[in-house]
N, C-alpha and C. Protein backbone atom coordinates (compact mmCIF):
# COMPACT_ATOMS: atom_id res chain seq x y z
N UNK A 1 -78.86 -21.87 26.41
CA UNK A 1 -77.30 -21.43 26.78
C UNK A 1 -77.79 -20.86 28.29
N UNK A 2 -78.94 -19.90 28.46
CA UNK A 2 -79.03 -19.37 30.24
C UNK A 2 -79.33 -20.73 31.30
N UNK A 3 -79.79 -21.16 30.77
CA UNK A 3 -80.42 -22.34 31.48
C UNK A 3 -79.13 -22.94 31.95
N UNK A 4 -78.55 -23.39 31.40
CA UNK A 4 -76.95 -24.28 31.28
C UNK A 4 -76.19 -23.52 32.59
N UNK A 5 -75.96 -21.86 32.48
CA UNK A 5 -75.55 -21.02 33.37
C UNK A 5 -76.02 -21.30 34.46
N UNK A 6 -77.74 -21.14 34.57
CA UNK A 6 -78.17 -21.14 35.78
C UNK A 6 -77.87 -22.59 36.49
N UNK A 7 -77.97 -23.53 35.60
CA UNK A 7 -77.37 -25.12 36.45
C UNK A 7 -76.15 -24.77 36.64
N UNK A 8 -75.43 -24.71 36.09
CA UNK A 8 -73.65 -24.46 36.83
C UNK A 8 -73.54 -23.73 38.26
N UNK A 9 -74.32 -22.36 37.90
CA UNK A 9 -74.15 -21.75 39.13
C UNK A 9 -74.82 -22.38 40.12
N UNK A 10 -75.95 -22.96 40.04
CA UNK A 10 -76.53 -23.91 41.01
C UNK A 10 -75.93 -24.89 41.80
N UNK A 11 -75.48 -25.38 40.82
CA UNK A 11 -74.38 -26.89 41.35
C UNK A 11 -72.96 -25.98 41.81
N UNK A 12 -72.89 -25.15 41.17
CA UNK A 12 -71.40 -24.91 42.07
C UNK A 12 -71.51 -24.29 43.71
N UNK A 13 -73.23 -23.36 43.71
CA UNK A 13 -73.42 -22.83 45.10
C UNK A 13 -73.74 -24.34 45.81
N UNK A 14 -73.91 -25.40 45.20
CA UNK A 14 -74.43 -26.53 46.32
C UNK A 14 -73.47 -27.38 46.58
N UNK A 15 -72.18 -27.19 45.63
CA UNK A 15 -71.06 -27.79 45.76
C UNK A 15 -70.23 -27.33 47.16
N UNK A 16 -70.63 -25.66 47.20
CA UNK A 16 -69.67 -24.85 48.46
C UNK A 16 -70.29 -25.67 49.56
N UNK A 17 -71.42 -25.69 49.66
CA UNK A 17 -72.32 -26.21 50.68
C UNK A 17 -72.32 -27.46 51.18
N UNK A 18 -71.61 -28.43 50.34
CA UNK A 18 -71.62 -29.92 50.76
C UNK A 18 -70.72 -30.10 51.76
N UNK A 19 -70.49 -30.88 52.39
CA UNK A 19 -69.53 -31.07 53.62
C UNK A 19 -68.07 -31.58 53.02
N UNK A 20 -67.01 -31.43 53.77
CA UNK A 20 -65.76 -31.20 53.59
C UNK A 20 -65.64 -33.18 53.11
N UNK A 21 -66.18 -33.86 53.64
CA UNK A 21 -65.83 -35.17 53.49
C UNK A 21 -66.40 -35.52 52.03
N UNK A 22 -67.41 -35.05 51.09
CA UNK A 22 -67.59 -34.89 50.44
C UNK A 22 -67.01 -34.32 49.19
N UNK A 23 -66.16 -33.19 49.58
CA UNK A 23 -64.96 -32.31 48.74
C UNK A 23 -64.22 -33.23 48.56
N UNK A 24 -63.19 -33.61 49.66
CA UNK A 24 -62.34 -34.48 49.76
C UNK A 24 -62.88 -36.00 48.75
N UNK A 25 -63.48 -36.49 49.03
CA UNK A 25 -63.76 -37.61 48.28
C UNK A 25 -64.05 -37.31 46.74
N UNK A 26 -64.25 -36.12 46.21
CA UNK A 26 -64.53 -35.83 45.16
C UNK A 26 -63.09 -35.63 44.46
N UNK A 27 -62.35 -34.82 45.28
CA UNK A 27 -60.70 -34.52 45.01
C UNK A 27 -59.96 -36.07 44.79
N UNK A 28 -60.45 -37.12 45.60
CA UNK A 28 -59.89 -38.06 45.36
C UNK A 28 -59.93 -39.20 44.17
N UNK A 29 -61.18 -38.86 43.76
CA UNK A 29 -61.90 -39.74 42.44
C UNK A 29 -61.90 -40.96 42.85
N UNK A 30 -61.67 -41.59 41.83
CA UNK A 30 -61.79 -43.53 41.76
C UNK A 30 -60.45 -43.67 42.98
N UNK A 31 -59.82 -43.02 43.69
CA UNK A 31 -58.67 -43.64 44.87
C UNK A 31 -59.93 -43.73 46.01
N UNK A 32 -60.71 -43.00 46.18
CA UNK A 32 -61.87 -42.96 47.35
C UNK A 32 -62.54 -44.26 47.39
N UNK A 33 -63.04 -44.89 45.96
CA UNK A 33 -63.76 -46.22 46.04
C UNK A 33 -62.33 -47.14 45.92
N UNK A 34 -61.75 -46.90 45.52
CA UNK A 34 -60.46 -47.89 45.96
C UNK A 34 -60.07 -48.18 47.40
N UNK A 35 -60.09 -47.26 47.92
CA UNK A 35 -59.76 -47.13 49.73
C UNK A 35 -60.64 -48.05 50.13
N UNK A 36 -61.98 -47.25 49.91
CA UNK A 36 -62.82 -48.04 50.97
C UNK A 36 -62.97 -49.42 50.31
N UNK A 37 -62.99 -50.25 49.45
CA UNK A 37 -62.78 -51.51 49.29
C UNK A 37 -61.65 -52.16 49.71
N UNK A 38 -60.73 -51.52 49.96
CA UNK A 38 -59.30 -52.03 50.47
C UNK A 38 -58.13 -52.33 49.26
N UNK A 39 -58.59 -52.13 48.00
CA UNK A 39 -57.93 -52.33 47.09
C UNK A 39 -56.32 -51.53 47.24
N UNK A 40 -56.70 -50.21 47.70
CA UNK A 40 -55.36 -49.79 48.16
C UNK A 40 -55.25 -49.28 49.57
N UNK A 41 -53.93 -49.16 50.35
CA UNK A 41 -54.03 -48.93 51.62
C UNK A 41 -53.11 -47.97 51.95
N UNK A 42 -53.20 -47.39 53.36
CA UNK A 42 -52.30 -46.28 53.89
C UNK A 42 -51.28 -47.27 54.55
N UNK A 43 -50.35 -46.29 54.85
CA UNK A 43 -49.29 -47.48 55.84
C UNK A 43 -49.81 -47.52 57.07
N UNK A 44 -50.49 -46.89 57.52
CA UNK A 44 -50.97 -46.98 59.00
C UNK A 44 -52.24 -48.31 58.66
N UNK A 45 -52.97 -48.34 58.15
CA UNK A 45 -53.81 -49.63 57.80
C UNK A 45 -52.74 -50.81 57.78
N UNK A 46 -51.72 -50.88 57.22
CA UNK A 46 -50.69 -51.79 56.87
C UNK A 46 -50.51 -52.42 58.39
N UNK A 47 -50.05 -51.12 58.98
CA UNK A 47 -49.65 -51.76 60.54
C UNK A 47 -50.89 -52.29 61.33
N UNK A 48 -52.09 -51.49 60.98
CA UNK A 48 -53.06 -52.09 61.93
C UNK A 48 -53.51 -53.59 61.38
N UNK A 49 -53.49 -53.97 60.38
CA UNK A 49 -53.71 -55.05 59.45
C UNK A 49 -52.64 -56.31 60.30
N UNK A 50 -51.63 -56.04 60.39
CA UNK A 50 -50.13 -56.71 61.05
C UNK A 50 -50.27 -56.44 62.80
N UNK A 51 -51.14 -55.98 63.05
CA UNK A 51 -51.08 -55.68 64.44
C UNK A 51 -50.01 -54.82 65.60
N UNK A 52 -49.48 -53.86 64.90
CA UNK A 52 -48.50 -53.46 65.19
C UNK A 52 -48.77 -51.83 65.73
N UNK A 53 -49.03 -51.54 67.08
CA UNK A 53 -49.50 -50.51 67.59
C UNK A 53 -48.20 -49.25 67.69
N UNK A 54 -48.18 -48.37 67.07
CA UNK A 54 -47.27 -47.08 67.22
C UNK A 54 -47.74 -46.24 67.31
N UNK A 55 -47.22 -45.02 68.05
CA UNK A 55 -47.57 -43.77 68.21
C UNK A 55 -47.70 -42.99 66.96
N UNK A 56 -48.44 -41.93 66.91
CA UNK A 56 -48.81 -41.42 65.10
C UNK A 56 -47.45 -40.72 64.78
N UNK A 57 -46.57 -40.35 66.07
CA UNK A 57 -44.92 -39.74 65.39
C UNK A 57 -44.38 -41.36 64.84
N UNK A 58 -44.22 -42.36 65.09
CA UNK A 58 -43.52 -43.00 64.87
C UNK A 58 -44.20 -43.70 63.54
N UNK A 59 -45.43 -43.86 63.15
CA UNK A 59 -46.30 -44.19 62.24
C UNK A 59 -45.45 -43.18 61.27
N UNK A 60 -45.41 -42.00 61.18
CA UNK A 60 -45.21 -41.19 60.27
C UNK A 60 -43.81 -41.63 59.61
N UNK A 61 -42.93 -41.97 60.62
CA UNK A 61 -41.66 -42.44 60.16
C UNK A 61 -41.64 -43.59 59.48
N UNK A 62 -42.51 -44.53 59.91
CA UNK A 62 -42.86 -45.68 58.93
C UNK A 62 -43.25 -45.37 57.80
N UNK A 63 -43.97 -44.27 57.45
CA UNK A 63 -44.73 -44.11 56.11
C UNK A 63 -43.57 -43.53 55.27
N UNK A 64 -42.56 -42.67 55.67
CA UNK A 64 -41.14 -42.21 55.34
C UNK A 64 -40.56 -43.32 54.90
N UNK A 65 -40.25 -44.31 55.69
CA UNK A 65 -39.52 -45.43 55.20
C UNK A 65 -40.10 -46.01 53.61
N UNK A 66 -41.37 -46.25 54.17
CA UNK A 66 -41.95 -47.03 52.65
C UNK A 66 -42.04 -46.23 51.62
N UNK A 67 -41.73 -44.91 51.46
CA UNK A 67 -42.13 -44.00 50.48
C UNK A 67 -40.61 -44.17 50.18
N UNK A 68 -39.99 -44.10 50.96
CA UNK A 68 -38.19 -44.12 50.44
C UNK A 68 -38.17 -45.51 49.72
N UNK A 69 -38.41 -46.47 49.99
CA UNK A 69 -38.14 -47.66 49.29
C UNK A 69 -39.24 -47.80 47.99
N UNK A 70 -40.04 -47.26 48.29
CA UNK A 70 -40.99 -47.03 46.85
C UNK A 70 -40.09 -46.48 45.70
N UNK A 71 -39.98 -45.21 46.43
CA UNK A 71 -38.97 -44.24 45.07
C UNK A 71 -37.81 -45.00 44.82
N UNK A 72 -37.43 -45.81 45.70
CA UNK A 72 -36.04 -46.37 45.27
C UNK A 72 -36.08 -47.43 43.81
N UNK A 73 -37.46 -48.23 44.28
CA UNK A 73 -37.76 -49.16 43.40
C UNK A 73 -38.48 -48.75 42.37
N UNK A 74 -39.20 -48.03 42.14
CA UNK A 74 -39.81 -47.41 40.82
C UNK A 74 -39.59 -46.08 40.00
N UNK A 75 -38.75 -45.50 41.06
CA UNK A 75 -38.33 -44.25 40.23
C UNK A 75 -39.00 -43.01 40.40
N UNK A 76 -40.31 -43.35 41.06
CA UNK A 76 -41.56 -41.99 41.36
C UNK A 76 -41.95 -42.31 42.65
N UNK A 77 -42.75 -41.03 43.05
CA UNK A 77 -43.77 -41.35 44.10
C UNK A 77 -44.62 -42.00 44.35
N UNK A 78 -45.48 -42.34 45.11
CA UNK A 78 -46.39 -43.35 45.12
C UNK A 78 -47.92 -42.51 44.56
N UNK A 79 -48.75 -42.43 44.37
CA UNK A 79 -49.93 -41.76 44.48
C UNK A 79 -50.38 -41.53 45.74
N UNK A 80 -51.20 -39.74 45.69
CA UNK A 80 -51.60 -39.60 47.11
C UNK A 80 -53.16 -39.52 47.20
N UNK A 81 -53.65 -39.54 48.06
CA UNK A 81 -55.14 -39.68 48.23
C UNK A 81 -55.42 -38.70 49.61
N UNK A 82 -56.65 -38.08 49.69
CA UNK A 82 -56.95 -37.05 50.91
C UNK A 82 -57.52 -37.89 52.10
N UNK A 83 -57.11 -38.06 53.16
CA UNK A 83 -57.84 -39.02 54.32
C UNK A 83 -57.67 -37.97 55.57
N UNK A 84 -58.81 -38.37 56.26
CA UNK A 84 -58.82 -37.93 57.94
C UNK A 84 -57.76 -38.50 58.41
N UNK A 85 -57.38 -37.64 59.19
CA UNK A 85 -56.00 -38.19 60.25
C UNK A 85 -56.98 -38.89 61.28
N UNK A 86 -56.20 -39.97 61.75
CA UNK A 86 -57.52 -40.73 62.52
C UNK A 86 -57.36 -40.35 64.30
N UNK A 87 -56.38 -39.29 64.64
CA UNK A 87 -56.82 -38.93 65.95
C UNK A 87 -57.15 -37.36 66.02
N UNK A 88 -56.15 -36.38 64.79
CA UNK A 88 -57.28 -35.19 64.72
C UNK A 88 -58.34 -34.79 64.20
N UNK A 89 -58.47 -35.56 63.13
CA UNK A 89 -59.88 -35.49 61.94
C UNK A 89 -59.43 -34.37 60.80
N UNK A 90 -58.39 -34.35 60.97
CA UNK A 90 -57.98 -33.19 60.05
C UNK A 90 -57.50 -34.05 58.73
N UNK A 91 -58.04 -33.08 57.69
CA UNK A 91 -57.77 -33.75 56.24
C UNK A 91 -56.18 -33.45 55.84
N UNK A 92 -55.60 -34.80 55.43
CA UNK A 92 -54.18 -34.71 54.90
C UNK A 92 -54.07 -35.35 53.84
N UNK A 93 -52.78 -35.28 52.92
CA UNK A 93 -52.52 -35.94 51.81
C UNK A 93 -51.61 -37.00 52.27
N UNK A 94 -51.80 -38.68 52.06
CA UNK A 94 -51.08 -39.55 52.52
C UNK A 94 -50.28 -40.33 50.82
N UNK A 95 -49.48 -40.99 51.06
CA UNK A 95 -49.46 -41.92 50.15
C UNK A 95 -50.19 -43.34 50.14
N UNK A 96 -50.58 -43.68 49.04
CA UNK A 96 -51.48 -44.94 49.12
C UNK A 96 -50.56 -45.96 48.21
N UNK A 97 -50.54 -47.53 48.78
CA UNK A 97 -50.05 -48.31 48.04
C UNK A 97 -50.97 -49.41 48.18
N UNK A 98 -51.10 -50.63 46.97
CA UNK A 98 -51.30 -51.77 46.85
C UNK A 98 -51.15 -52.50 48.31
N UNK A 99 -51.83 -53.54 48.65
CA UNK A 99 -51.86 -54.31 49.85
C UNK A 99 -50.16 -55.24 49.58
N UNK A 100 -50.40 -55.60 48.75
CA UNK A 100 -48.88 -56.42 48.32
C UNK A 100 -47.96 -55.70 47.86
N UNK A 101 -47.73 -54.28 48.28
CA UNK A 101 -46.54 -53.67 47.54
C UNK A 101 -45.32 -53.77 48.37
N UNK A 102 -44.32 -54.11 47.59
CA UNK A 102 -43.05 -54.82 48.36
C UNK A 102 -42.38 -53.37 49.36
N UNK A 103 -42.59 -52.53 49.22
CA UNK A 103 -42.31 -51.06 49.95
C UNK A 103 -42.56 -51.42 51.07
N UNK A 104 -43.87 -51.73 51.29
CA UNK A 104 -44.69 -51.89 52.92
C UNK A 104 -43.68 -52.98 53.42
N UNK A 105 -43.37 -53.75 52.73
CA UNK A 105 -42.50 -54.55 53.74
C UNK A 105 -40.69 -54.56 53.84
N UNK A 106 -40.38 -53.54 52.82
CA UNK A 106 -39.38 -52.94 52.83
C UNK A 106 -39.13 -51.93 54.02
N UNK A 107 -40.39 -51.15 54.10
CA UNK A 107 -40.18 -50.40 55.07
C UNK A 107 -40.00 -51.10 56.56
N UNK A 108 -40.89 -52.18 56.90
CA UNK A 108 -41.11 -52.63 58.22
C UNK A 108 -39.36 -53.44 58.41
N UNK A 109 -38.85 -53.68 57.30
CA UNK A 109 -37.34 -54.10 57.83
C UNK A 109 -36.52 -52.77 57.93
N UNK A 110 -36.69 -51.85 57.40
CA UNK A 110 -35.98 -50.62 57.35
C UNK A 110 -35.91 -49.90 58.50
N UNK A 111 -37.39 -49.87 59.16
CA UNK A 111 -37.55 -48.75 60.50
C UNK A 111 -37.00 -49.43 61.66
N UNK A 112 -36.25 -49.02 62.43
CA UNK A 112 -36.15 -49.83 63.63
C UNK A 112 -37.20 -50.07 64.59
N UNK A 113 -38.36 -49.21 64.36
CA UNK A 113 -39.33 -49.49 65.55
C UNK A 113 -40.43 -50.43 65.22
N UNK A 114 -39.99 -50.96 63.74
CA UNK A 114 -40.88 -51.94 63.21
C UNK A 114 -39.99 -53.38 62.85
N UNK A 115 -38.86 -53.07 63.06
CA UNK A 115 -38.22 -54.28 62.51
C UNK A 115 -38.26 -55.38 63.54
N UNK A 116 -38.41 -55.16 64.75
CA UNK A 116 -38.98 -56.49 65.71
C UNK A 116 -39.92 -57.34 65.13
N UNK A 117 -40.93 -56.46 65.28
CA UNK A 117 -42.49 -56.94 64.73
C UNK A 117 -42.01 -57.57 63.32
N UNK A 118 -41.88 -57.25 62.34
CA UNK A 118 -41.30 -57.70 61.10
C UNK A 118 -40.45 -59.31 61.51
N UNK A 119 -39.40 -59.19 62.23
CA UNK A 119 -38.79 -60.46 62.38
C UNK A 119 -39.43 -61.57 63.11
N UNK A 120 -40.48 -60.97 64.12
CA UNK A 120 -41.57 -61.95 64.61
C UNK A 120 -42.57 -62.30 63.55
N UNK A 121 -43.06 -61.63 62.92
CA UNK A 121 -44.09 -61.89 61.85
C UNK A 121 -43.39 -63.02 60.97
N UNK A 122 -42.36 -62.60 60.24
CA UNK A 122 -41.83 -63.31 59.03
C UNK A 122 -41.22 -64.65 59.64
N UNK A 123 -40.73 -64.80 60.83
CA UNK A 123 -40.11 -65.94 61.41
C UNK A 123 -41.15 -66.70 61.39
N UNK A 124 -42.35 -66.52 62.34
CA UNK A 124 -43.21 -67.15 62.18
C UNK A 124 -44.17 -67.72 61.26
N UNK A 125 -43.86 -67.07 60.12
CA UNK A 125 -44.51 -68.04 59.02
C UNK A 125 -44.03 -68.43 58.20
N UNK A 126 -42.46 -68.62 58.47
CA UNK A 126 -41.72 -69.51 58.02
C UNK A 126 -41.65 -71.05 58.36
């Protein structure tokens, strides 16, 4: 019993000294592996894949439109994961979606800053 307590104390001490990246990756659980593999993405990743460049303030509004579309279609919020902000480096909690989620496309059409890009992308594909 005493050995178990010593191991637990030692592991706790080591966990406190771990870098923030490891701590937040641990909080993410299986989301971290899925994010690394590209099985789930953030809204900013979707914009990068489509080649749409928006300032941070506008990207967050696009994310709000996607979250609203997801909530309307499923009745609940999307799962959240901890990621580093791409410009400030701070850790933030963001909604994550599958790459083929309909809410990502609905967000493109509903947000006025991304609507012209959506029209261009989807008329070229047709």
